[in-house]
Amino acid sequence: MKSYKTQQRVSLVFRYILLVALAIIWIAPVVWIVLTSFSTNNNTGFVQTLVPINFTLENYTGLFQNELYPYLNWVWNTFILAVVCAVCNTFITTIMSYALSRLRFKMRKPFMQFALIIGMFPGIMGMIAMYAILNALNMLNLFGMALIYVGGSALGFYIFKGFLDTIPASIDEAAMIDGATKWEVFRYITLPLCKPMIIYTSLTAFTGPWLDFLLSSYILGGQSPKIRTVAYGLQNMLTNSRGASAQNLYQFIAGSVLIAVPITILFIFMQKFYVNGITAGADKG
């Protein structure tokens, strides 16, 4: 009996050691990036110390005073784009998931199978076609990007639908027997029960445009510096810096830290609903 308890304790100790090691491996780069953003610029184009020797706020102040790279415009553009996509994607995904979960109509199952197959293909495969269409419509701008993000939102219904399938249909039937219409059932019963999935869908829809670089570089490549997103603008700060990459490196790091702050705050306050949405939506498909 004692040997069994000893084995359990040893196993538990090794598990904690492994978890601590993994936590250090994950947190160390984040801490280093944050500390480096407060480091004095050495004008070499490289970060030469793990821990800054001198701390300063010049990287952050210079980031907002850089006339060639309007960081505030990038943040504003990205924020508006992310909010619009989050609202539209959540609305479309919610109503489509509800229709596929609660309504029965012809070609319902073939449609879901077709949507699943289409969703397996990476979006980059259609990037040339999307660029050609937007170029022909003179929409190589933020509005065109929003259309692309929102246009593909309907294919993300599977997790939301899986969550709705776990809600007994008898609740809807009981409400309708009491005189409620389908709209009232959806608004006053289904939506409150779907709060974890709505938050989960909104968060994923928001983080997509906020962190995306590939699509923005492809669609906004020919636009002025003010019509860019944060990810694409920061990348240009290094690659198109006209010989000033050493000076822009620390501002780039400071900008990267700042764009991570809103996402971190969102996940800290919404973590409970985010986890509930993932686990509940995976119960039934």
C-alpha atoms as a PDB file:
ATOM      1  CA  MET A   1       0.000   0.000   0.000  1.00  0.00           C
ATOM      2  CA  LYS A   2       2.806   2.391   0.897  1.00  0.00           C
ATOM      3  CA  SER A   3       4.676   1.605  -2.300  1.00  0.00           C
ATOM      4  CA  TYR A   4       1.552   2.386  -4.334  1.00  0.00           C
ATOM      5  CA  LYS A   5       1.143   5.766  -2.607  1.00  0.00           C
ATOM      6  CA  THR A   6       4.831   6.464  -3.136  1.00  0.00           C
ATOM      7  CA  GLN A   7       4.484   5.726  -6.848  1.00  0.00           C
ATOM      8  CA  GLN A   8       1.497   8.066  -7.026  1.00  0.00           C
ATOM      9  CA  ARG A   9       3.432  10.857  -5.336  1.00  0.00           C
ATOM     10  CA  VAL A  10       6.455  10.376  -7.587  1.00  0.00           C
ATOM     11  CA  SER A  11       4.211  10.345 -10.648  1.00  0.00           C
ATOM     12  CA  LEU A  12       2.473  13.513  -9.443  1.00  0.00           C
ATOM     13  CA  VAL A  13       5.829  15.243  -8.844  1.00  0.00           C
ATOM     14  CA  PHE A  14       7.031  14.401 -12.356  1.00  0.00           C
ATOM     15  CA  ARG A  15       3.770  15.687 -13.822  1.00  0.00           C
ATOM     16  CA  TYR A  16       4.122  19.005 -12.023  1.00  0.00           C
ATOM     17  CA  ILE A  17       7.754  19.272 -13.102  1.00  0.00           C
ATOM     18  CA  LEU A  18       6.706  18.667 -16.706  1.00  0.00           C
ATOM     19  CA  LEU A  19       3.912  21.245 -16.472  1.00  0.00           C
ATOM     20  CA  VAL A  20       6.262  23.836 -14.953  1.00  0.00           C
ATOM     21  CA  ALA A  21       8.845  23.193 -17.688  1.00  0.00           C
ATOM     22  CA  LEU A  22       6.223  23.555 -20.422  1.00  0.00           C
ATOM     23  CA  ALA A  23       4.922  26.747 -18.799  1.00  0.00           C
ATOM     24  CA  ILE A  24       8.420  28.231 -18.728  1.00  0.00           C
ATOM     25  CA  ILE A  25       9.002  27.282 -22.366  1.00  0.00           C
ATOM     26  CA  TRP A  26       5.711  28.937 -23.340  1.00  0.00           C
ATOM     27  CA  ILE A  27       5.971  32.053 -21.147  1.00  0.00           C
ATOM     28  CA  ALA A  28       9.701  32.826 -21.577  1.00  0.00           C
ATOM     29  CA  PRO A  29       9.452  34.125 -25.199  1.00  0.00           C
ATOM     30  CA  VAL A  30       6.434  36.259 -24.273  1.00  0.00           C
ATOM     31  CA  VAL A  31       8.252  37.812 -21.303  1.00  0.00           C
ATOM     32  CA  TRP A  32      11.339  38.393 -23.435  1.00  0.00           C
ATOM     33  CA  ILE A  33       9.348  40.178 -26.151  1.00  0.00           C
ATOM     34  CA  VAL A  34       7.643  42.428 -23.594  1.00  0.00           C
ATOM     35  CA  LEU A  35      10.958  43.300 -21.927  1.00  0.00           C
ATOM     36  CA  THR A  36      12.635  43.924 -25.271  1.00  0.00           C
ATOM     37  CA  SER A  37       9.913  46.397 -26.224  1.00  0.00           C
ATOM     38  CA  PHE A  38      11.154  48.587 -23.350  1.00  0.00           C
ATOM     39  CA  SER A  39      14.828  48.198 -24.304  1.00  0.00           C
ATOM     40  CA  THR A  40      16.987  51.052 -25.594  1.00  0.00           C
ATOM     41  CA  ASN A  41      17.498  50.914 -29.358  1.00  0.00           C
ATOM     42  CA  ASN A  42      21.058  49.801 -30.160  1.00  0.00           C
ATOM     43  CA  ASN A  43      20.737  50.737 -33.884  1.00  0.00           C
ATOM     44  CA  THR A  44      22.191  47.386 -34.990  1.00  0.00           C
ATOM     45  CA  GLY A  45      19.036  45.760 -36.269  1.00  0.00           C
ATOM     46  CA  PHE A  46      19.441  42.887 -33.789  1.00  0.00           C
ATOM     47  CA  VAL A  47      18.409  42.258 -30.196  1.00  0.00           C
ATOM     48  CA  GLN A  48      21.703  41.595 -28.444  1.00  0.00           C
ATOM     49  CA  THR A  49      20.637  41.028 -24.826  1.00  0.00           C
ATOM     50  CA  LEU A  50      18.061  38.743 -23.247  1.00  0.00           C
ATOM     51  CA  VAL A  51      17.299  41.254 -20.495  1.00  0.00           C
ATOM     52  CA  PRO A  52      17.363  44.981 -21.385  1.00  0.00           C
ATOM     53  CA  ILE A  53      20.205  46.953 -19.837  1.00  0.00           C
ATOM     54  CA  ASN A  54      18.369  50.267 -20.010  1.00  0.00           C
ATOM     55  CA  PHE A  55      14.582  50.609 -19.998  1.00  0.00           C
ATOM     56  CA  THR A  56      12.803  53.286 -22.004  1.00  0.00           C
ATOM     57  CA  LEU A  57       9.406  54.201 -23.458  1.00  0.00           C
ATOM     58  CA  GLU A  58      10.932  55.638 -26.644  1.00  0.00           C
ATOM     59  CA  ASN A  59       9.893  52.606 -28.686  1.00  0.00           C
ATOM     60  CA  TYR A  60       6.238  53.178 -27.851  1.00  0.00           C
ATOM     61  CA  THR A  61       6.298  56.956 -28.216  1.00  0.00           C
ATOM     62  CA  GLY A  62       8.236  56.683 -31.477  1.00  0.00           C
ATOM     63  CA  LEU A  63       5.723  54.150 -32.757  1.00  0.00           C
ATOM     64  CA  PHE A  64       2.888  56.678 -32.509  1.00  0.00           C
ATOM     65  CA  GLN A  65       5.018  59.527 -33.873  1.00  0.00           C
ATOM     66  CA  ASN A  66       6.308  57.693 -36.947  1.00  0.00           C
ATOM     67  CA  GLU A  67       4.892  59.585 -39.941  1.00  0.00           C
ATOM     68  CA  LEU A  68       5.938  56.949 -42.488  1.00  0.00           C
ATOM     69  CA  TYR A  69       4.105  54.183 -40.645  1.00  0.00           C
ATOM     70  CA  PRO A  70       0.812  55.451 -39.147  1.00  0.00           C
ATOM     71  CA  TYR A  71       0.290  52.854 -36.439  1.00  0.00           C
ATOM     72  CA  LEU A  72      -2.900  54.437 -35.075  1.00  0.00           C
ATOM     73  CA  ASN A  73      -4.520  54.224 -38.520  1.00  0.00           C
ATOM     74  CA  TRP A  74      -3.584  50.550 -38.743  1.00  0.00           C
ATOM     75  CA  VAL A  75      -5.089  49.808 -35.324  1.00  0.00           C
ATOM     76  CA  TRP A  76      -8.271  51.674 -36.153  1.00  0.00           C
ATOM     77  CA  ASN A  77      -8.642  49.955 -39.540  1.00  0.00           C
ATOM     78  CA  THR A  78      -8.078  46.547 -38.009  1.00  0.00           C
ATOM     79  CA  PHE A  79     -10.435  47.202 -35.109  1.00  0.00           C
ATOM     80  CA  ILE A  80     -13.292  48.320 -37.372  1.00  0.00           C
ATOM     81  CA  LEU A  81     -12.707  45.361 -39.685  1.00  0.00           C
ATOM     82  CA  ALA A  82     -12.603  42.892 -36.786  1.00  0.00           C
ATOM     83  CA  VAL A  83     -15.744  44.270 -35.134  1.00  0.00           C
ATOM     84  CA  VAL A  84     -17.740  44.248 -38.384  1.00  0.00           C
ATOM     85  CA  CYS A  85     -16.626  40.686 -39.130  1.00  0.00           C
ATOM     86  CA  ALA A  86     -17.384  39.541 -35.573  1.00  0.00           C
ATOM     87  CA  VAL A  87     -20.931  40.943 -35.668  1.00  0.00           C
ATOM     88  CA  CYS A  88     -21.766  39.739 -39.185  1.00  0.00           C
ATOM     89  CA  ASN A  89     -20.133  36.322 -38.802  1.00  0.00           C
ATOM     90  CA  THR A  90     -21.875  35.678 -35.490  1.00  0.00           C
ATOM     91  CA  PHE A  91     -25.253  36.674 -36.923  1.00  0.00           C
ATOM     92  CA  ILE A  92     -24.886  34.528 -40.049  1.00  0.00           C
ATOM     93  CA  THR A  93     -23.481  31.529 -38.189  1.00  0.00           C
ATOM     94  CA  THR A  94     -26.228  31.704 -35.543  1.00  0.00           C
ATOM     95  CA  ILE A  95     -29.182  31.808 -37.909  1.00  0.00           C
ATOM     96  CA  MET A  96     -27.706  29.200 -40.250  1.00  0.00           C
ATOM     97  CA  SER A  97     -26.891  26.824 -37.395  1.00  0.00           C
ATOM     98  CA  TYR A  98     -30.376  27.256 -35.958  1.00  0.00           C
ATOM     99  CA  ALA A  99     -31.995  26.534 -39.326  1.00  0.00           C
ATOM    100  CA  LEU A 100     -29.917  23.391 -39.886  1.00  0.00           C
ATOM    101  CA  SER A 101     -30.467  22.160 -36.335  1.00  0.00           C
ATOM    102  CA  ARG A 102     -34.170  22.840 -35.874  1.00  0.00           C
ATOM    103  CA  LEU A 103     -35.694  22.855 -39.363  1.00  0.00           C
ATOM    104  CA  ARG A 104     -36.133  19.852 -41.635  1.00  0.00           C
ATOM    105  CA  PHE A 105     -36.151  20.525 -45.359  1.00  0.00           C
ATOM    106  CA  LYS A 106     -35.203  18.831 -48.601  1.00  0.00           C
ATOM    107  CA  MET A 107     -31.449  18.528 -49.383  1.00  0.00           C
ATOM    108  CA  ARG A 108     -30.557  19.432 -45.782  1.00  0.00           C
ATOM    109  CA  LYS A 109     -28.107  16.588 -45.215  1.00  0.00           C
ATOM    110  CA  PRO A 110     -26.520  16.784 -48.700  1.00  0.00           C
ATOM    111  CA  PHE A 111     -25.992  20.503 -48.141  1.00  0.00           C
ATOM    112  CA  MET A 112     -24.223  19.894 -44.821  1.00  0.00           C
ATOM    113  CA  GLN A 113     -22.029  17.224 -46.400  1.00  0.00           C
ATOM    114  CA  PHE A 114     -21.182  19.544 -49.298  1.00  0.00           C
ATOM    115  CA  ALA A 115     -20.370  22.395 -46.889  1.00  0.00           C
ATOM    116  CA  LEU A 116     -18.119  20.081 -44.878  1.00  0.00           C
ATOM    117  CA  ILE A 117     -16.207  19.069 -48.016  1.00  0.00           C
ATOM    118  CA  ILE A 118     -15.840  22.685 -49.155  1.00  0.00           C
ATOM    119  CA  GLY A 119     -14.577  23.673 -45.711  1.00  0.00           C
ATOM    120  CA  MET A 120     -11.747  21.154 -45.961  1.00  0.00           C
ATOM    121  CA  PHE A 121     -10.091  23.147 -48.739  1.00  0.00           C
ATOM    122  CA  PRO A 122      -7.785  25.947 -47.539  1.00  0.00           C
ATOM    123  CA  GLY A 123      -8.975  29.441 -48.317  1.00  0.00           C
ATOM    124  CA  ILE A 124      -5.664  30.323 -49.953  1.00  0.00           C
ATOM    125  CA  MET A 125      -6.648  28.192 -52.945  1.00  0.00           C
ATOM    126  CA  GLY A 126      -9.219  30.786 -53.977  1.00  0.00           C
ATOM    127  CA  MET A 127      -7.105  33.839 -53.260  1.00  0.00           C
ATOM    128  CA  ILE A 128      -6.234  34.507 -56.925  1.00  0.00           C
ATOM    129  CA  ALA A 129      -9.901  34.312 -57.904  1.00  0.00           C
ATOM    130  CA  MET A 130     -10.926  36.567 -54.998  1.00  0.00           C
ATOM    131  CA  TYR A 131      -8.265  39.097 -55.936  1.00  0.00           C
ATOM    132  CA  ALA A 132      -9.400  39.107 -59.590  1.00  0.00           C
ATOM    133  CA  ILE A 133     -13.048  39.611 -58.616  1.00  0.00           C
ATOM    134  CA  LEU A 134     -12.314  42.413 -56.141  1.00  0.00           C
ATOM    135  CA  ASN A 135      -9.971  44.072 -58.613  1.00  0.00           C
ATOM    136  CA  ALA A 136     -12.645  43.999 -61.317  1.00  0.00           C
ATOM    137  CA  LEU A 137     -15.122  45.564 -58.883  1.00  0.00           C
ATOM    138  CA  ASN A 138     -12.551  48.147 -57.717  1.00  0.00           C
ATOM    139  CA  MET A 139     -12.839  46.810 -54.158  1.00  0.00           C
ATOM    140  CA  LEU A 140      -9.219  46.158 -53.183  1.00  0.00           C
ATOM    141  CA  ASN A 141      -9.799  47.819 -49.839  1.00  0.00           C
ATOM    142  CA  LEU A 142     -11.001  47.126 -46.319  1.00  0.00           C
ATOM    143  CA  PHE A 143     -14.591  46.722 -47.480  1.00  0.00           C
ATOM    144  CA  GLY A 144     -13.520  44.025 -49.916  1.00  0.00           C
ATOM    145  CA  MET A 145     -11.617  42.249 -47.149  1.00  0.00           C
ATOM    146  CA  ALA A 146     -14.702  42.355 -44.935  1.00  0.00           C
ATOM    147  CA  LEU A 147     -16.763  40.740 -47.690  1.00  0.00           C
ATOM    148  CA  ILE A 148     -14.271  37.873 -47.913  1.00  0.00           C
ATOM    149  CA  TYR A 149     -14.257  37.280 -44.154  1.00  0.00           C
ATOM    150  CA  VAL A 150     -18.045  37.487 -43.872  1.00  0.00           C
ATOM    151  CA  GLY A 151     -18.651  35.473 -47.037  1.00  0.00           C
ATOM    152  CA  GLY A 152     -16.988  32.395 -45.595  1.00  0.00           C
ATOM    153  CA  SER A 153     -18.633  32.591 -42.178  1.00  0.00           C
ATOM    154  CA  ALA A 154     -21.530  30.303 -43.096  1.00  0.00           C
ATOM    155  CA  LEU A 155     -19.174  27.324 -43.466  1.00  0.00           C
ATOM    156  CA  GLY A 156     -18.320  27.545 -39.766  1.00  0.00           C
ATOM    157  CA  PHE A 157     -21.732  26.355 -38.604  1.00  0.00           C
ATOM    158  CA  TYR A 158     -20.789  22.824 -37.547  1.00  0.00           C
ATOM    159  CA  ILE A 159     -19.654  23.585 -33.983  1.00  0.00           C
ATOM    160  CA  PHE A 160     -22.577  25.933 -33.356  1.00  0.00           C
ATOM    161  CA  LYS A 161     -25.017  23.407 -34.807  1.00  0.00           C
ATOM    162  CA  GLY A 162     -23.525  20.709 -32.594  1.00  0.00           C
ATOM    163  CA  PHE A 163     -24.250  22.889 -29.568  1.00  0.00           C
ATOM    164  CA  LEU A 164     -27.846  23.520 -30.676  1.00  0.00           C
ATOM    165  CA  ASP A 165     -28.376  19.793 -31.159  1.00  0.00           C
ATOM    166  CA  THR A 166     -27.672  19.288 -27.443  1.00  0.00           C
ATOM    167  CA  ILE A 167     -30.615  21.561 -26.527  1.00  0.00           C
ATOM    168  CA  PRO A 168     -33.743  19.365 -26.347  1.00  0.00           C
ATOM    169  CA  ALA A 169     -36.345  20.186 -28.987  1.00  0.00           C
ATOM    170  CA  SER A 170     -38.998  19.568 -26.330  1.00  0.00           C
ATOM    171  CA  ILE A 171     -38.163  23.008 -24.870  1.00  0.00           C
ATOM    172  CA  ASP A 172     -39.169  24.658 -28.139  1.00  0.00           C
ATOM    173  CA  GLU A 173     -42.308  22.519 -28.385  1.00  0.00           C
ATOM    174  CA  ALA A 174     -43.362  23.374 -24.842  1.00  0.00           C
ATOM    175  CA  ALA A 175     -42.935  27.095 -25.520  1.00  0.00           C
ATOM    176  CA  MET A 176     -44.966  26.863 -28.733  1.00  0.00           C
ATOM    177  CA  ILE A 177     -47.735  25.001 -26.902  1.00  0.00           C
ATOM    178  CA  ASP A 178     -47.844  27.932 -24.473  1.00  0.00           C
ATOM    179  CA  GLY A 179     -48.415  30.257 -27.429  1.00  0.00           C
ATOM    180  CA  ALA A 180     -44.927  31.393 -28.365  1.00  0.00           C
ATOM    181  CA  THR A 181     -44.064  31.906 -32.021  1.00  0.00           C
ATOM    182  CA  LYS A 182     -40.925  30.488 -33.627  1.00  0.00           C
ATOM    183  CA  TRP A 183     -39.303  33.922 -33.500  1.00  0.00           C
ATOM    184  CA  GLU A 184     -40.084  34.260 -29.775  1.00  0.00           C
ATOM    185  CA  VAL A 185     -38.710  30.778 -29.125  1.00  0.00           C
ATOM    186  CA  PHE A 186     -35.528  31.698 -30.970  1.00  0.00           C
ATOM    187  CA  ARG A 187     -35.143  35.086 -29.293  1.00  0.00           C
ATOM    188  CA  TYR A 188     -36.153  34.373 -25.700  1.00  0.00           C
ATOM    189  CA  ILE A 189     -35.177  30.720 -25.281  1.00  0.00           C
ATOM    190  CA  THR A 190     -32.582  29.618 -27.822  1.00  0.00           C
ATOM    191  CA  LEU A 191     -30.360  32.706 -27.857  1.00  0.00           C
ATOM    192  CA  PRO A 192     -29.933  32.912 -24.039  1.00  0.00           C
ATOM    193  CA  LEU A 193     -29.033  29.215 -23.950  1.00  0.00           C
ATOM    194  CA  CYS A 194     -26.501  29.773 -26.762  1.00  0.00           C
ATOM    195  CA  LYS A 195     -24.551  32.479 -24.928  1.00  0.00           C
ATOM    196  CA  PRO A 196     -21.307  30.399 -24.668  1.00  0.00           C
ATOM    197  CA  MET A 197     -21.383  29.582 -28.389  1.00  0.00           C
ATOM    198  CA  ILE A 198     -22.205  33.157 -29.392  1.00  0.00           C
ATOM    199  CA  ILE A 199     -19.211  34.434 -27.425  1.00  0.00           C
ATOM    200  CA  TYR A 200     -16.996  31.680 -28.832  1.00  0.00           C
ATOM    201  CA  THR A 201     -18.061  32.505 -32.404  1.00  0.00           C
ATOM    202  CA  SER A 202     -17.575  36.238 -31.839  1.00  0.00           C
ATOM    203  CA  LEU A 203     -14.083  35.766 -30.400  1.00  0.00           C
ATOM    204  CA  THR A 204     -12.902  33.548 -33.249  1.00  0.00           C
ATOM    205  CA  ALA A 205     -14.426  35.910 -35.813  1.00  0.00           C
ATOM    206  CA  PHE A 206     -12.725  38.889 -34.157  1.00  0.00           C
ATOM    207  CA  THR A 207      -9.257  37.346 -33.849  1.00  0.00           C
ATOM    208  CA  GLY A 208      -9.199  36.280 -37.504  1.00  0.00           C
ATOM    209  CA  PRO A 209      -9.001  39.777 -39.095  1.00  0.00           C
ATOM    210  CA  TRP A 210      -7.104  41.158 -36.104  1.00  0.00           C
ATOM    211  CA  LEU A 211      -4.153  38.790 -36.574  1.00  0.00           C
ATOM    212  CA  ASP A 212      -4.364  37.955 -40.266  1.00  0.00           C
ATOM    213  CA  PHE A 213      -1.430  38.960 -42.442  1.00  0.00           C
ATOM    214  CA  LEU A 214      -1.698  36.905 -45.627  1.00  0.00           C
ATOM    215  CA  LEU A 215      -5.047  38.167 -46.914  1.00  0.00           C
ATOM    216  CA  SER A 216      -4.375  41.798 -45.995  1.00  0.00           C
ATOM    217  CA  SER A 217      -0.988  41.764 -47.742  1.00  0.00           C
ATOM    218  CA  TYR A 218      -2.621  40.306 -50.838  1.00  0.00           C
ATOM    219  CA  ILE A 219      -5.640  42.615 -50.992  1.00  0.00           C
ATOM    220  CA  LEU A 220      -4.125  45.837 -49.606  1.00  0.00           C
ATOM    221  CA  GLY A 221      -0.699  45.544 -51.203  1.00  0.00           C
ATOM    222  CA  GLY A 222      -1.252  48.477 -53.543  1.00  0.00           C
ATOM    223  CA  GLN A 223      -2.964  50.776 -51.060  1.00  0.00           C
ATOM    224  CA  SER A 224      -1.485  53.765 -49.253  1.00  0.00           C
ATOM    225  CA  PRO A 225       0.197  53.177 -45.864  1.00  0.00           C
ATOM    226  CA  LYS A 226      -2.880  54.488 -44.040  1.00  0.00           C
ATOM    227  CA  ILE A 227      -5.143  51.844 -45.616  1.00  0.00           C
ATOM    228  CA  ARG A 228      -3.524  48.822 -44.006  1.00  0.00           C
ATOM    229  CA  THR A 229      -4.104  46.454 -41.130  1.00  0.00           C
ATOM    230  CA  VAL A 230      -1.803  46.107 -38.141  1.00  0.00           C
ATOM    231  CA  ALA A 231      -0.157  42.835 -39.176  1.00  0.00           C
ATOM    232  CA  TYR A 232       0.574  43.983 -42.717  1.00  0.00           C
ATOM    233  CA  GLY A 233       1.661  47.447 -41.604  1.00  0.00           C
ATOM    234  CA  LEU A 234       4.132  46.125 -39.029  1.00  0.00           C
ATOM    235  CA  GLN A 235       5.612  43.752 -41.578  1.00  0.00           C
ATOM    236  CA  ASN A 236       6.145  46.684 -43.955  1.00  0.00           C
ATOM    237  CA  MET A 237       7.830  48.585 -41.154  1.00  0.00           C
ATOM    238  CA  LEU A 238      10.716  46.113 -41.404  1.00  0.00           C
ATOM    239  CA  THR A 239      10.821  45.085 -45.068  1.00  0.00           C
ATOM    240  CA  ASN A 240      10.153  48.500 -46.646  1.00  0.00           C
ATOM    241  CA  SER A 241      11.920  50.695 -44.137  1.00  0.00           C
ATOM    242  CA  ARG A 242      14.311  52.357 -46.636  1.00  0.00           C
ATOM    243  CA  GLY A 243      17.408  51.457 -44.665  1.00  0.00           C
ATOM    244  CA  ALA A 244      15.910  52.228 -41.282  1.00  0.00           C
ATOM    245  CA  SER A 245      15.183  48.637 -40.244  1.00  0.00           C
ATOM    246  CA  ALA A 246      17.577  48.948 -37.279  1.00  0.00           C
ATOM    247  CA  GLN A 247      15.590  51.902 -35.963  1.00  0.00           C
ATOM    248  CA  ASN A 248      12.208  50.290 -36.690  1.00  0.00           C
ATOM    249  CA  LEU A 249      12.975  46.904 -35.134  1.00  0.00           C
ATOM    250  CA  TYR A 250      12.208  47.952 -31.564  1.00  0.00           C
ATOM    251  CA  GLN A 251       9.141  49.889 -32.673  1.00  0.00           C
ATOM    252  CA  PHE A 252       8.011  46.754 -34.488  1.00  0.00           C
ATOM    253  CA  ILE A 253       8.378  44.776 -31.257  1.00  0.00           C
ATOM    254  CA  ALA A 254       6.481  47.437 -29.301  1.00  0.00           C
ATOM    255  CA  GLY A 255       3.682  47.397 -31.880  1.00  0.00           C
ATOM    256  CA  SER A 256       3.495  43.607 -31.702  1.00  0.00           C
ATOM    257  CA  VAL A 257       3.088  43.779 -27.929  1.00  0.00           C
ATOM    258  CA  LEU A 258       0.310  46.351 -28.200  1.00  0.00           C
ATOM    259  CA  ILE A 259      -1.799  44.362 -30.676  1.00  0.00           C
ATOM    260  CA  ALA A 260      -1.609  41.342 -28.367  1.00  0.00           C
ATOM    261  CA  VAL A 261      -3.111  43.275 -25.449  1.00  0.00           C
ATOM    262  CA  PRO A 262      -6.777  43.423 -26.661  1.00  0.00           C
ATOM    263  CA  ILE A 263      -6.802  39.718 -27.560  1.00  0.00           C
ATOM    264  CA  THR A 264      -5.279  38.803 -24.197  1.00  0.00           C
ATOM    265  CA  ILE A 265      -7.849  40.869 -22.299  1.00  0.00           C
ATOM    266  CA  LEU A 266     -10.725  39.364 -24.289  1.00  0.00           C
ATOM    267  CA  PHE A 267      -9.606  35.815 -23.615  1.00  0.00           C
ATOM    268  CA  ILE A 268      -9.011  36.480 -19.916  1.00  0.00           C
ATOM    269  CA  PHE A 269     -12.543  37.789 -19.358  1.00  0.00           C
ATOM    270  CA  MET A 270     -14.262  35.443 -21.832  1.00  0.00           C
ATOM    271  CA  GLN A 271     -12.250  32.290 -21.147  1.00  0.00           C
ATOM    272  CA  LYS A 272     -15.091  30.555 -19.321  1.00  0.00           C
ATOM    273  CA  PHE A 273     -17.543  31.015 -22.181  1.00  0.00           C
ATOM    274  CA  TYR A 274     -14.887  30.232 -24.780  1.00  0.00           C
ATOM    275  CA  VAL A 275     -14.060  26.852 -23.197  1.00  0.00           C
ATOM    276  CA  ASN A 276     -17.746  26.048 -22.663  1.00  0.00           C
ATOM    277  CA  GLY A 277     -18.439  26.827 -26.296  1.00  0.00           C
ATOM    278  CA  ILE A 278     -15.704  24.518 -27.564  1.00  0.00           C
ATOM    279  CA  THR A 279     -16.603  21.593 -25.314  1.00  0.00           C
ATOM    280  CA  ALA A 280     -20.383  21.878 -25.675  1.00  0.00           C
ATOM    281  CA  GLY A 281     -20.204  22.317 -29.439  1.00  0.00           C
ATOM    282  CA  ALA A 282     -18.151  19.141 -29.810  1.00  0.00           C
ATOM    283  CA  ASP A 283     -20.646  16.919 -27.985  1.00  0.00           C
ATOM    284  CA  LYS A 284     -22.931  16.242 -30.916  1.00  0.00           C
ATOM    285  CA  GLY A 285     -22.635  16.955 -34.631  1.00  0.00           C
END
